[in-house]
Amino acid sequence: MKKLKLDELGRLTPEAFKKAPKLPIIIVLDNIRSGMNVGSFFRTADCFAIKHIVLTGISPTPLNKEINKTAIGADRTMSWSYEEDICDAVKDFKKQGYTIIGIEQTNESIPLSEFNASAYEEIVVVFGNEVDGLSESVLPHLDSCIEIEQFGTKHSLNVSVCAGIVMWTLAQHIRQAKIDD
């Protein structure tokens, strides 16, 4: 066994990545305060070929030093936009026919293990603030909520860790469905 060097990984160039097919998933960040967390979203979304990221509210935007540090270039390869109000962003996607999924612990949340992303044409996944979670104002606009099952004493994960788990799971569902078709 040997570790692979970067040139042995067979990764796309930034130019090829921008042209490559993407998963029908849009990530919306609801007032994420940490540039490092936002950068991690960019890096993870690039890794799984997510279609687009929307930053809202107080979420920092690329050119932020913390984003640059953790995104390691994904802030230049990922498609992204900024919308001041989370509800405006979500309502626009809903009008376009997207299914809106919040990542939050609610009385109606379903476990991530029971959610099948391949059952939907296009989805928007909304992640909330590091302390407060999703804004109360966005909850009525969601089609459903997912939560990651947890078995220890803590009640939450860091939002960028949560994003990695959710994006990987959704990507696996969608990719497997394409193989099965």
N, C-alpha and C. Protein backbone atom coordinates (compact mmCIF):
# COMPACT_ATOMS: atom_id res chain seq x y z
N MET A 1 0.84 -1.17 0.00
CA MET A 1 0.00 0.00 0.00
C MET A 1 0.89 1.24 0.00
N LYS A 2 0.45 2.22 -0.79
CA LYS A 2 1.15 3.50 -0.78
C LYS A 2 0.14 4.63 -0.95
N LYS A 3 0.45 5.75 -0.34
CA LYS A 3 -0.40 6.92 -0.50
C LYS A 3 -0.25 7.44 -1.92
N LEU A 4 -1.36 7.89 -2.49
CA LEU A 4 -1.31 8.45 -3.84
C LEU A 4 -0.90 9.91 -3.78
N LYS A 5 -0.15 10.32 -4.78
CA LYS A 5 0.22 11.72 -4.93
C LYS A 5 -0.95 12.44 -5.62
N LEU A 6 -0.99 13.74 -5.50
CA LEU A 6 -2.09 14.51 -6.07
C LEU A 6 -2.31 14.22 -7.56
N ASP A 7 -1.21 14.10 -8.31
CA ASP A 7 -1.36 13.87 -9.76
C ASP A 7 -1.81 12.44 -10.07
N GLU A 8 -1.85 11.56 -9.08
CA GLU A 8 -2.32 10.18 -9.28
C GLU A 8 -3.81 10.02 -8.93
N LEU A 9 -4.43 11.07 -8.42
CA LEU A 9 -5.82 10.97 -7.98
C LEU A 9 -6.83 11.07 -9.13
N GLY A 10 -6.41 11.57 -10.27
CA GLY A 10 -7.31 11.66 -11.41
C GLY A 10 -8.42 12.69 -11.24
N ARG A 11 -8.17 13.75 -10.52
CA ARG A 11 -9.18 14.79 -10.30
C ARG A 11 -9.31 15.70 -11.52
N LEU A 12 -10.47 16.28 -11.65
CA LEU A 12 -10.72 17.22 -12.74
C LEU A 12 -9.94 18.51 -12.51
N THR A 13 -9.61 19.18 -13.60
CA THR A 13 -9.06 20.53 -13.49
C THR A 13 -10.22 21.45 -13.10
N PRO A 14 -9.93 22.64 -12.56
CA PRO A 14 -11.03 23.57 -12.25
C PRO A 14 -11.91 23.87 -13.48
N GLU A 15 -11.29 24.00 -14.64
CA GLU A 15 -12.05 24.29 -15.85
C GLU A 15 -12.97 23.12 -16.22
N ALA A 16 -12.45 21.91 -16.13
CA ALA A 16 -13.26 20.73 -16.45
C ALA A 16 -14.37 20.54 -15.41
N PHE A 17 -14.08 20.83 -14.15
CA PHE A 17 -15.09 20.70 -13.10
C PHE A 17 -16.27 21.63 -13.36
N LYS A 18 -15.98 22.86 -13.75
CA LYS A 18 -17.07 23.82 -14.00
C LYS A 18 -18.00 23.35 -15.10
N LYS A 19 -17.49 22.58 -16.06
CA LYS A 19 -18.29 22.07 -17.18
C LYS A 19 -18.92 20.71 -16.89
N ALA A 20 -18.43 20.02 -15.89
CA ALA A 20 -18.89 18.65 -15.60
C ALA A 20 -20.31 18.65 -15.05
N PRO A 21 -21.04 17.54 -15.25
CA PRO A 21 -22.39 17.43 -14.68
C PRO A 21 -22.34 17.52 -13.15
N LYS A 22 -23.38 18.11 -12.60
CA LYS A 22 -23.48 18.27 -11.15
C LYS A 22 -24.71 17.54 -10.63
N LEU A 23 -24.68 17.22 -9.35
CA LEU A 23 -25.85 16.63 -8.71
C LEU A 23 -26.94 17.70 -8.59
N PRO A 24 -28.20 17.31 -8.68
CA PRO A 24 -29.30 18.28 -8.62
C PRO A 24 -29.60 18.73 -7.18
N ILE A 25 -28.56 19.20 -6.52
CA ILE A 25 -28.66 19.64 -5.13
C ILE A 25 -28.13 21.07 -5.03
N ILE A 26 -28.92 21.91 -4.37
CA ILE A 26 -28.47 23.27 -4.05
C ILE A 26 -28.39 23.36 -2.53
N ILE A 27 -27.29 23.89 -2.05
CA ILE A 27 -27.08 24.09 -0.62
C ILE A 27 -27.37 25.55 -0.29
N VAL A 28 -28.19 25.79 0.72
CA VAL A 28 -28.46 27.15 1.19
C VAL A 28 -27.96 27.26 2.63
N LEU A 29 -27.15 28.27 2.88
CA LEU A 29 -26.60 28.50 4.21
C LEU A 29 -27.34 29.65 4.87
N ASP A 30 -28.01 29.35 5.97
CA ASP A 30 -28.83 30.30 6.71
C ASP A 30 -28.02 30.92 7.83
N ASN A 31 -27.45 32.09 7.56
CA ASN A 31 -26.72 32.84 8.58
C ASN A 31 -25.58 32.07 9.24
N ILE A 32 -24.77 31.40 8.44
CA ILE A 32 -23.57 30.73 8.97
C ILE A 32 -22.56 31.84 9.28
N ARG A 33 -22.12 31.90 10.51
CA ARG A 33 -21.27 33.04 10.91
C ARG A 33 -19.79 32.83 10.66
N SER A 34 -19.33 31.60 10.62
CA SER A 34 -17.90 31.31 10.52
C SER A 34 -17.45 31.15 9.07
N GLY A 35 -16.47 31.94 8.68
CA GLY A 35 -15.88 31.79 7.36
C GLY A 35 -15.26 30.42 7.17
N MET A 36 -14.72 29.86 8.24
CA MET A 36 -14.13 28.51 8.13
C MET A 36 -15.21 27.47 7.84
N ASN A 37 -16.37 27.60 8.47
CA ASN A 37 -17.46 26.68 8.16
C ASN A 37 -17.94 26.87 6.72
N VAL A 38 -18.07 28.11 6.29
CA VAL A 38 -18.50 28.37 4.91
C VAL A 38 -17.49 27.78 3.93
N GLY A 39 -16.21 27.97 4.20
CA GLY A 39 -15.17 27.39 3.34
C GLY A 39 -15.26 25.88 3.29
N SER A 40 -15.56 25.26 4.42
CA SER A 40 -15.73 23.81 4.45
C SER A 40 -16.92 23.38 3.59
N PHE A 41 -17.99 24.15 3.60
CA PHE A 41 -19.13 23.85 2.72
C PHE A 41 -18.69 23.88 1.26
N PHE A 42 -17.94 24.90 0.88
CA PHE A 42 -17.47 24.99 -0.51
C PHE A 42 -16.63 23.77 -0.88
N ARG A 43 -15.72 23.43 -0.01
CA ARG A 43 -14.81 22.30 -0.28
C ARG A 43 -15.58 20.98 -0.39
N THR A 44 -16.52 20.75 0.51
CA THR A 44 -17.31 19.52 0.49
C THR A 44 -18.24 19.49 -0.71
N ALA A 45 -18.86 20.62 -1.03
CA ALA A 45 -19.76 20.69 -2.19
C ALA A 45 -18.99 20.42 -3.48
N ASP A 46 -17.79 20.93 -3.59
CA ASP A 46 -16.94 20.64 -4.75
C ASP A 46 -16.64 19.15 -4.80
N CYS A 47 -16.29 18.58 -3.68
CA CYS A 47 -15.93 17.16 -3.59
C CYS A 47 -17.03 16.26 -4.14
N PHE A 48 -18.30 16.60 -3.86
CA PHE A 48 -19.42 15.76 -4.28
C PHE A 48 -20.15 16.30 -5.51
N ALA A 49 -19.58 17.32 -6.16
CA ALA A 49 -20.15 17.90 -7.39
C ALA A 49 -21.58 18.38 -7.18
N ILE A 50 -21.77 19.16 -6.13
CA ILE A 50 -23.07 19.78 -5.83
C ILE A 50 -23.25 20.95 -6.81
N LYS A 51 -24.49 21.19 -7.21
CA LYS A 51 -24.79 22.17 -8.25
C LYS A 51 -24.47 23.63 -7.86
N HIS A 52 -24.85 24.05 -6.66
CA HIS A 52 -24.76 25.47 -6.34
C HIS A 52 -24.85 25.67 -4.82
N ILE A 53 -24.27 26.76 -4.34
CA ILE A 53 -24.39 27.17 -2.93
C ILE A 53 -24.98 28.58 -2.90
N VAL A 54 -25.95 28.78 -2.00
CA VAL A 54 -26.50 30.12 -1.77
C VAL A 54 -26.16 30.52 -0.34
N LEU A 55 -25.53 31.66 -0.20
CA LEU A 55 -25.18 32.21 1.10
C LEU A 55 -26.24 33.25 1.46
N THR A 56 -26.72 33.24 2.70
CA THR A 56 -27.74 34.22 3.09
C THR A 56 -27.35 34.91 4.39
N GLY A 57 -28.00 36.06 4.60
CA GLY A 57 -27.85 36.79 5.86
C GLY A 57 -26.42 37.17 6.16
N ILE A 58 -25.96 36.78 7.36
CA ILE A 58 -24.62 37.16 7.82
C ILE A 58 -23.51 36.25 7.29
N SER A 59 -23.88 35.24 6.51
CA SER A 59 -22.85 34.31 6.00
C SER A 59 -21.81 35.08 5.20
N PRO A 60 -20.53 34.90 5.52
CA PRO A 60 -19.50 35.57 4.74
C PRO A 60 -19.44 35.00 3.32
N THR A 61 -18.93 35.80 2.41
CA THR A 61 -18.83 35.39 1.01
C THR A 61 -17.36 35.22 0.63
N PRO A 62 -17.10 34.51 -0.48
CA PRO A 62 -15.71 34.33 -0.91
C PRO A 62 -14.95 35.65 -0.98
N LEU A 63 -13.67 35.55 -0.86
CA LEU A 63 -12.66 36.60 -0.68
C LEU A 63 -12.38 36.78 0.81
N ASN A 64 -13.21 36.19 1.66
CA ASN A 64 -12.96 36.15 3.09
C ASN A 64 -11.76 35.23 3.34
N LYS A 65 -10.82 35.66 4.15
CA LYS A 65 -9.60 34.88 4.41
C LYS A 65 -9.89 33.50 4.98
N GLU A 66 -10.85 33.42 5.90
CA GLU A 66 -11.18 32.11 6.50
C GLU A 66 -11.77 31.16 5.47
N ILE A 67 -12.60 31.69 4.57
CA ILE A 67 -13.17 30.84 3.51
C ILE A 67 -12.04 30.33 2.63
N ASN A 68 -11.16 31.23 2.22
CA ASN A 68 -10.04 30.84 1.36
C ASN A 68 -9.19 29.75 2.00
N LYS A 69 -8.98 29.87 3.30
CA LYS A 69 -8.13 28.91 4.01
C LYS A 69 -8.73 27.50 4.00
N THR A 70 -10.02 27.39 4.27
CA THR A 70 -10.62 26.06 4.37
C THR A 70 -11.15 25.54 3.03
N ALA A 71 -11.50 26.42 2.12
CA ALA A 71 -12.03 25.97 0.82
C ALA A 71 -10.92 25.45 -0.09
N ILE A 72 -9.71 25.85 0.14
CA ILE A 72 -8.53 25.52 -0.68
C ILE A 72 -8.82 25.52 -2.19
N GLY A 73 -9.47 26.59 -2.64
CA GLY A 73 -9.72 26.77 -4.07
C GLY A 73 -11.14 26.46 -4.50
N ALA A 74 -11.90 25.76 -3.68
CA ALA A 74 -13.28 25.41 -4.06
C ALA A 74 -14.17 26.65 -4.13
N ASP A 75 -13.77 27.73 -3.48
CA ASP A 75 -14.52 28.97 -3.58
C ASP A 75 -14.40 29.57 -4.98
N ARG A 76 -13.45 29.07 -5.77
CA ARG A 76 -13.29 29.53 -7.15
C ARG A 76 -13.89 28.54 -8.15
N THR A 77 -14.16 27.31 -7.72
CA THR A 77 -14.73 26.32 -8.64
C THR A 77 -16.23 26.14 -8.47
N MET A 78 -16.74 26.38 -7.27
CA MET A 78 -18.16 26.19 -7.01
C MET A 78 -19.00 27.38 -7.48
N SER A 79 -20.14 27.05 -8.06
CA SER A 79 -21.12 28.08 -8.39
C SER A 79 -21.77 28.55 -7.08
N TRP A 80 -21.88 29.87 -6.89
CA TRP A 80 -22.49 30.37 -5.67
C TRP A 80 -23.17 31.71 -5.92
N SER A 81 -24.04 32.07 -5.01
CA SER A 81 -24.70 33.37 -5.05
C SER A 81 -25.02 33.80 -3.62
N TYR A 82 -25.41 35.07 -3.48
CA TYR A 82 -25.77 35.60 -2.17
C TYR A 82 -27.19 36.15 -2.23
N GLU A 83 -27.96 35.87 -1.20
CA GLU A 83 -29.32 36.40 -1.05
C GLU A 83 -29.43 36.89 0.39
N GLU A 84 -29.84 38.12 0.59
CA GLU A 84 -29.93 38.68 1.93
C GLU A 84 -30.89 37.89 2.82
N ASP A 85 -32.08 37.61 2.31
CA ASP A 85 -33.13 36.99 3.13
C ASP A 85 -33.31 35.51 2.80
N ILE A 86 -33.18 34.65 3.80
CA ILE A 86 -33.31 33.21 3.63
C ILE A 86 -34.67 32.84 3.05
N CYS A 87 -35.73 33.47 3.52
CA CYS A 87 -37.08 33.12 3.05
C CYS A 87 -37.26 33.47 1.57
N ASP A 88 -36.72 34.59 1.14
CA ASP A 88 -36.80 34.95 -0.28
C ASP A 88 -36.09 33.90 -1.13
N ALA A 89 -34.92 33.47 -0.68
CA ALA A 89 -34.16 32.46 -1.43
C ALA A 89 -34.95 31.16 -1.53
N VAL A 90 -35.48 30.70 -0.42
CA VAL A 90 -36.21 29.42 -0.40
C VAL A 90 -37.50 29.51 -1.22
N LYS A 91 -38.22 30.62 -1.08
CA LYS A 91 -39.47 30.78 -1.85
C LYS A 91 -39.20 30.78 -3.36
N ASP A 92 -38.10 31.40 -3.78
CA ASP A 92 -37.74 31.39 -5.21
C ASP A 92 -37.49 29.97 -5.70
N PHE A 93 -36.77 29.19 -4.93
CA PHE A 93 -36.51 27.80 -5.34
C PHE A 93 -37.79 26.97 -5.35
N LYS A 94 -38.66 27.21 -4.40
CA LYS A 94 -39.93 26.48 -4.34
C LYS A 94 -40.76 26.78 -5.60
N LYS A 95 -40.79 28.04 -6.02
CA LYS A 95 -41.51 28.43 -7.25
C LYS A 95 -40.94 27.70 -8.47
N GLN A 96 -39.64 27.41 -8.43
CA GLN A 96 -38.99 26.72 -9.55
C GLN A 96 -39.18 25.20 -9.48
N GLY A 97 -39.89 24.71 -8.46
CA GLY A 97 -40.19 23.29 -8.37
C GLY A 97 -39.26 22.46 -7.51
N TYR A 98 -38.33 23.10 -6.82
CA TYR A 98 -37.42 22.36 -5.95
C TYR A 98 -38.15 21.86 -4.70
N THR A 99 -37.71 20.74 -4.18
CA THR A 99 -38.13 20.26 -2.87
C THR A 99 -37.17 20.87 -1.86
N ILE A 100 -37.71 21.48 -0.82
CA ILE A 100 -36.89 22.19 0.16
C ILE A 100 -36.77 21.35 1.43
N ILE A 101 -35.54 20.98 1.77
CA ILE A 101 -35.25 20.13 2.92
C ILE A 101 -34.40 20.90 3.92
N GLY A 102 -34.87 21.01 5.13
CA GLY A 102 -34.08 21.64 6.19
C GLY A 102 -33.32 20.59 6.98
N ILE A 103 -32.17 20.96 7.46
CA ILE A 103 -31.41 20.08 8.35
C ILE A 103 -31.58 20.68 9.75
N GLU A 104 -32.46 20.04 10.52
CA GLU A 104 -32.80 20.59 11.83
C GLU A 104 -33.51 19.53 12.66
N GLN A 105 -33.38 19.65 13.96
CA GLN A 105 -34.10 18.78 14.89
C GLN A 105 -35.44 19.43 15.20
N THR A 106 -36.52 18.87 14.63
CA THR A 106 -37.86 19.38 14.87
C THR A 106 -38.76 18.22 15.29
N ASN A 107 -39.98 18.54 15.68
CA ASN A 107 -40.92 17.48 16.06
C ASN A 107 -41.36 16.64 14.86
N GLU A 108 -41.02 17.08 13.64
CA GLU A 108 -41.40 16.34 12.43
C GLU A 108 -40.19 15.85 11.62
N SER A 109 -39.00 16.00 12.17
CA SER A 109 -37.80 15.58 11.44
C SER A 109 -37.79 14.07 11.22
N ILE A 110 -37.23 13.68 10.08
CA ILE A 110 -37.03 12.26 9.83
C ILE A 110 -35.52 11.99 9.87
N PRO A 111 -35.13 10.80 10.28
CA PRO A 111 -33.71 10.49 10.32
C PRO A 111 -33.11 10.48 8.90
N LEU A 112 -31.91 10.95 8.78
CA LEU A 112 -31.21 10.95 7.50
C LEU A 112 -31.20 9.56 6.89
N SER A 113 -31.08 8.54 7.72
CA SER A 113 -31.04 7.16 7.23
C SER A 113 -32.34 6.73 6.55
N GLU A 114 -33.43 7.47 6.79
CA GLU A 114 -34.73 7.14 6.18
C GLU A 114 -35.08 8.04 5.00
N PHE A 115 -34.27 9.02 4.72
CA PHE A 115 -34.54 9.96 3.63
C PHE A 115 -33.89 9.46 2.35
N ASN A 116 -34.66 9.41 1.27
CA ASN A 116 -34.13 8.94 -0.01
C ASN A 116 -34.10 10.10 -1.01
N ALA A 117 -32.95 10.68 -1.20
CA ALA A 117 -32.81 11.83 -2.09
C ALA A 117 -33.15 11.50 -3.54
N SER A 118 -32.99 10.26 -3.94
CA SER A 118 -33.25 9.90 -5.33
C SER A 118 -34.73 9.95 -5.68
N ALA A 119 -35.60 10.11 -4.69
CA ALA A 119 -37.04 10.20 -4.94
C ALA A 119 -37.44 11.59 -5.44
N TYR A 120 -36.51 12.53 -5.47
CA TYR A 120 -36.80 13.91 -5.85
C TYR A 120 -35.98 14.31 -7.07
N GLU A 121 -36.58 15.14 -7.92
CA GLU A 121 -35.87 15.62 -9.11
C GLU A 121 -34.73 16.55 -8.73
N GLU A 122 -35.07 17.59 -7.97
CA GLU A 122 -34.08 18.58 -7.55
C GLU A 122 -34.40 18.99 -6.12
N ILE A 123 -33.36 19.10 -5.31
CA ILE A 123 -33.58 19.47 -3.92
C ILE A 123 -32.70 20.63 -3.49
N VAL A 124 -33.24 21.38 -2.56
CA VAL A 124 -32.50 22.44 -1.88
C VAL A 124 -32.35 21.97 -0.44
N VAL A 125 -31.13 22.00 0.06
CA VAL A 125 -30.86 21.58 1.43
C VAL A 125 -30.39 22.81 2.20
N VAL A 126 -31.13 23.13 3.28
CA VAL A 126 -30.87 24.34 4.05
C VAL A 126 -30.21 23.98 5.37
N PHE A 127 -29.04 24.57 5.61
CA PHE A 127 -28.28 24.37 6.84
C PHE A 127 -28.32 25.66 7.65
N GLY A 128 -28.48 25.55 8.97
CA GLY A 128 -28.64 26.72 9.82
C GLY A 128 -27.40 27.15 10.57
N ASN A 129 -27.57 28.25 11.24
CA ASN A 129 -26.54 28.90 12.04
C ASN A 129 -25.95 27.95 13.09
N GLU A 130 -24.66 28.15 13.37
CA GLU A 130 -23.92 27.29 14.29
C GLU A 130 -24.53 27.21 15.69
N VAL A 131 -25.16 28.27 16.16
CA VAL A 131 -25.72 28.29 17.50
C VAL A 131 -27.24 28.09 17.48
N ASP A 132 -27.91 28.81 16.61
CA ASP A 132 -29.37 28.85 16.62
C ASP A 132 -30.04 27.90 15.63
N GLY A 133 -29.28 27.26 14.78
CA GLY A 133 -29.88 26.38 13.78
C GLY A 133 -30.63 27.17 12.73
N LEU A 134 -31.65 26.56 12.14
CA LEU A 134 -32.43 27.24 11.10
C LEU A 134 -33.25 28.38 11.71
N SER A 135 -33.39 29.44 10.94
CA SER A 135 -34.25 30.55 11.36
C SER A 135 -35.69 30.07 11.46
N GLU A 136 -36.38 30.48 12.51
CA GLU A 136 -37.79 30.11 12.68
C GLU A 136 -38.61 30.51 11.45
N SER A 137 -38.25 31.64 10.83
CA SER A 137 -39.02 32.14 9.69
C SER A 137 -38.97 31.24 8.47
N VAL A 138 -37.96 30.39 8.35
CA VAL A 138 -37.84 29.53 7.18
C VAL A 138 -38.60 28.21 7.35
N LEU A 139 -38.88 27.82 8.58
CA LEU A 139 -39.51 26.52 8.83
C LEU A 139 -40.82 26.32 8.05
N PRO A 140 -41.73 27.29 7.96
CA PRO A 140 -42.97 27.07 7.21
C PRO A 140 -42.76 26.84 5.71
N HIS A 141 -41.61 27.19 5.20
CA HIS A 141 -41.33 27.06 3.77
C HIS A 141 -40.67 25.72 3.41
N LEU A 142 -40.37 24.91 4.41
CA LEU A 142 -39.70 23.63 4.18
C LEU A 142 -40.71 22.55 3.84
N ASP A 143 -40.33 21.65 2.94
CA ASP A 143 -41.16 20.49 2.65
C ASP A 143 -40.96 19.41 3.69
N SER A 144 -39.77 19.31 4.25
CA SER A 144 -39.50 18.40 5.35
C SER A 144 -38.16 18.75 5.99
N CYS A 145 -37.92 18.12 7.13
CA CYS A 145 -36.65 18.28 7.84
C CYS A 145 -36.02 16.93 8.05
N ILE A 146 -34.70 16.93 7.99
CA ILE A 146 -33.90 15.74 8.23
C ILE A 146 -33.03 16.03 9.45
N GLU A 147 -32.79 15.00 10.23
CA GLU A 147 -31.79 15.12 11.28
C GLU A 147 -30.88 13.90 11.26
N ILE A 148 -29.66 14.11 11.67
CA ILE A 148 -28.70 13.01 11.76
C ILE A 148 -28.88 12.37 13.13
N GLU A 149 -29.10 11.08 13.13
CA GLU A 149 -29.26 10.36 14.39
C GLU A 149 -27.95 10.45 15.19
N GLN A 150 -28.08 10.69 16.47
CA GLN A 150 -26.91 10.80 17.34
C GLN A 150 -27.13 9.92 18.57
N PHE A 151 -26.05 9.35 19.07
CA PHE A 151 -26.18 8.34 20.12
C PHE A 151 -25.36 8.65 21.37
N GLY A 152 -24.73 9.80 21.41
CA GLY A 152 -23.92 10.17 22.57
C GLY A 152 -24.63 11.21 23.42
N THR A 153 -23.84 12.00 24.14
CA THR A 153 -24.41 13.00 25.04
C THR A 153 -24.63 14.36 24.38
N LYS A 154 -23.97 14.63 23.27
CA LYS A 154 -24.10 15.92 22.60
C LYS A 154 -25.36 15.93 21.76
N HIS A 155 -25.96 17.10 21.63
CA HIS A 155 -27.21 17.21 20.88
C HIS A 155 -27.01 17.73 19.46
N SER A 156 -25.77 18.02 19.08
CA SER A 156 -25.56 18.53 17.72
C SER A 156 -24.13 18.27 17.27
N LEU A 157 -23.94 18.41 15.96
CA LEU A 157 -22.62 18.34 15.33
C LEU A 157 -22.23 19.72 14.84
N ASN A 158 -20.95 19.96 14.64
CA ASN A 158 -20.53 21.17 13.96
C ASN A 158 -21.23 21.19 12.60
N VAL A 159 -21.68 22.35 12.16
CA VAL A 159 -22.47 22.44 10.93
C VAL A 159 -21.70 21.96 9.70
N SER A 160 -20.41 22.16 9.65
CA SER A 160 -19.66 21.68 8.48
C SER A 160 -19.46 20.16 8.52
N VAL A 161 -19.37 19.59 9.72
CA VAL A 161 -19.32 18.13 9.84
C VAL A 161 -20.66 17.55 9.41
N CYS A 162 -21.73 18.16 9.90
CA CYS A 162 -23.08 17.76 9.52
C CYS A 162 -23.23 17.81 8.00
N ALA A 163 -22.75 18.87 7.39
CA ALA A 163 -22.84 19.03 5.93
C ALA A 163 -22.14 17.90 5.20
N GLY A 164 -20.97 17.52 5.68
CA GLY A 164 -20.25 16.42 5.04
C GLY A 164 -21.03 15.13 5.07
N ILE A 165 -21.63 14.83 6.21
CA ILE A 165 -22.43 13.61 6.34
C ILE A 165 -23.64 13.66 5.43
N VAL A 166 -24.35 14.78 5.45
CA VAL A 166 -25.56 14.93 4.64
C VAL A 166 -25.24 14.89 3.16
N MET A 167 -24.25 15.67 2.72
CA MET A 167 -23.93 15.69 1.29
C MET A 167 -23.46 14.33 0.79
N TRP A 168 -22.64 13.64 1.57
CA TRP A 168 -22.18 12.31 1.16
C TRP A 168 -23.37 11.36 1.02
N THR A 169 -24.26 11.38 2.00
CA THR A 169 -25.42 10.48 1.97
C THR A 169 -26.31 10.77 0.77
N LEU A 170 -26.62 12.05 0.53
CA LEU A 170 -27.48 12.41 -0.60
C LEU A 170 -26.81 12.06 -1.93
N ALA A 171 -25.52 12.33 -2.02
CA ALA A 171 -24.78 11.99 -3.25
C ALA A 171 -24.81 10.50 -3.51
N GLN A 172 -24.65 9.69 -2.45
CA GLN A 172 -24.70 8.23 -2.61
C GLN A 172 -26.07 7.78 -3.12
N HIS A 173 -27.14 8.33 -2.56
CA HIS A 173 -28.49 7.96 -2.99
C HIS A 173 -28.70 8.28 -4.47
N ILE A 174 -28.32 9.47 -4.87
CA ILE A 174 -28.55 9.90 -6.25
C ILE A 174 -27.68 9.11 -7.21
N ARG A 175 -26.42 8.91 -6.88
CA ARG A 175 -25.53 8.16 -7.75
C ARG A 175 -25.95 6.70 -7.87
N GLN A 176 -26.37 6.10 -6.76
CA GLN A 176 -26.84 4.70 -6.79
C GLN A 176 -28.08 4.57 -7.63
N ALA A 177 -29.00 5.53 -7.54
CA ALA A 177 -30.22 5.48 -8.35
C ALA A 177 -29.90 5.53 -9.84
N LYS A 178 -28.88 6.30 -10.22
CA LYS A 178 -28.48 6.38 -11.62
C LYS A 178 -27.89 5.04 -12.09
N ILE A 179 -27.16 4.38 -11.22
CA ILE A 179 -26.58 3.07 -11.55
C ILE A 179 -27.70 2.04 -11.71
N ASP A 180 -28.69 2.11 -10.82
CA ASP A 180 -29.79 1.13 -10.84
C ASP A 180 -30.74 1.32 -12.02
N ASP A 181 -30.76 2.52 -12.60
CA ASP A 181 -31.68 2.78 -13.74
C ASP A 181 -31.26 2.10 -14.98
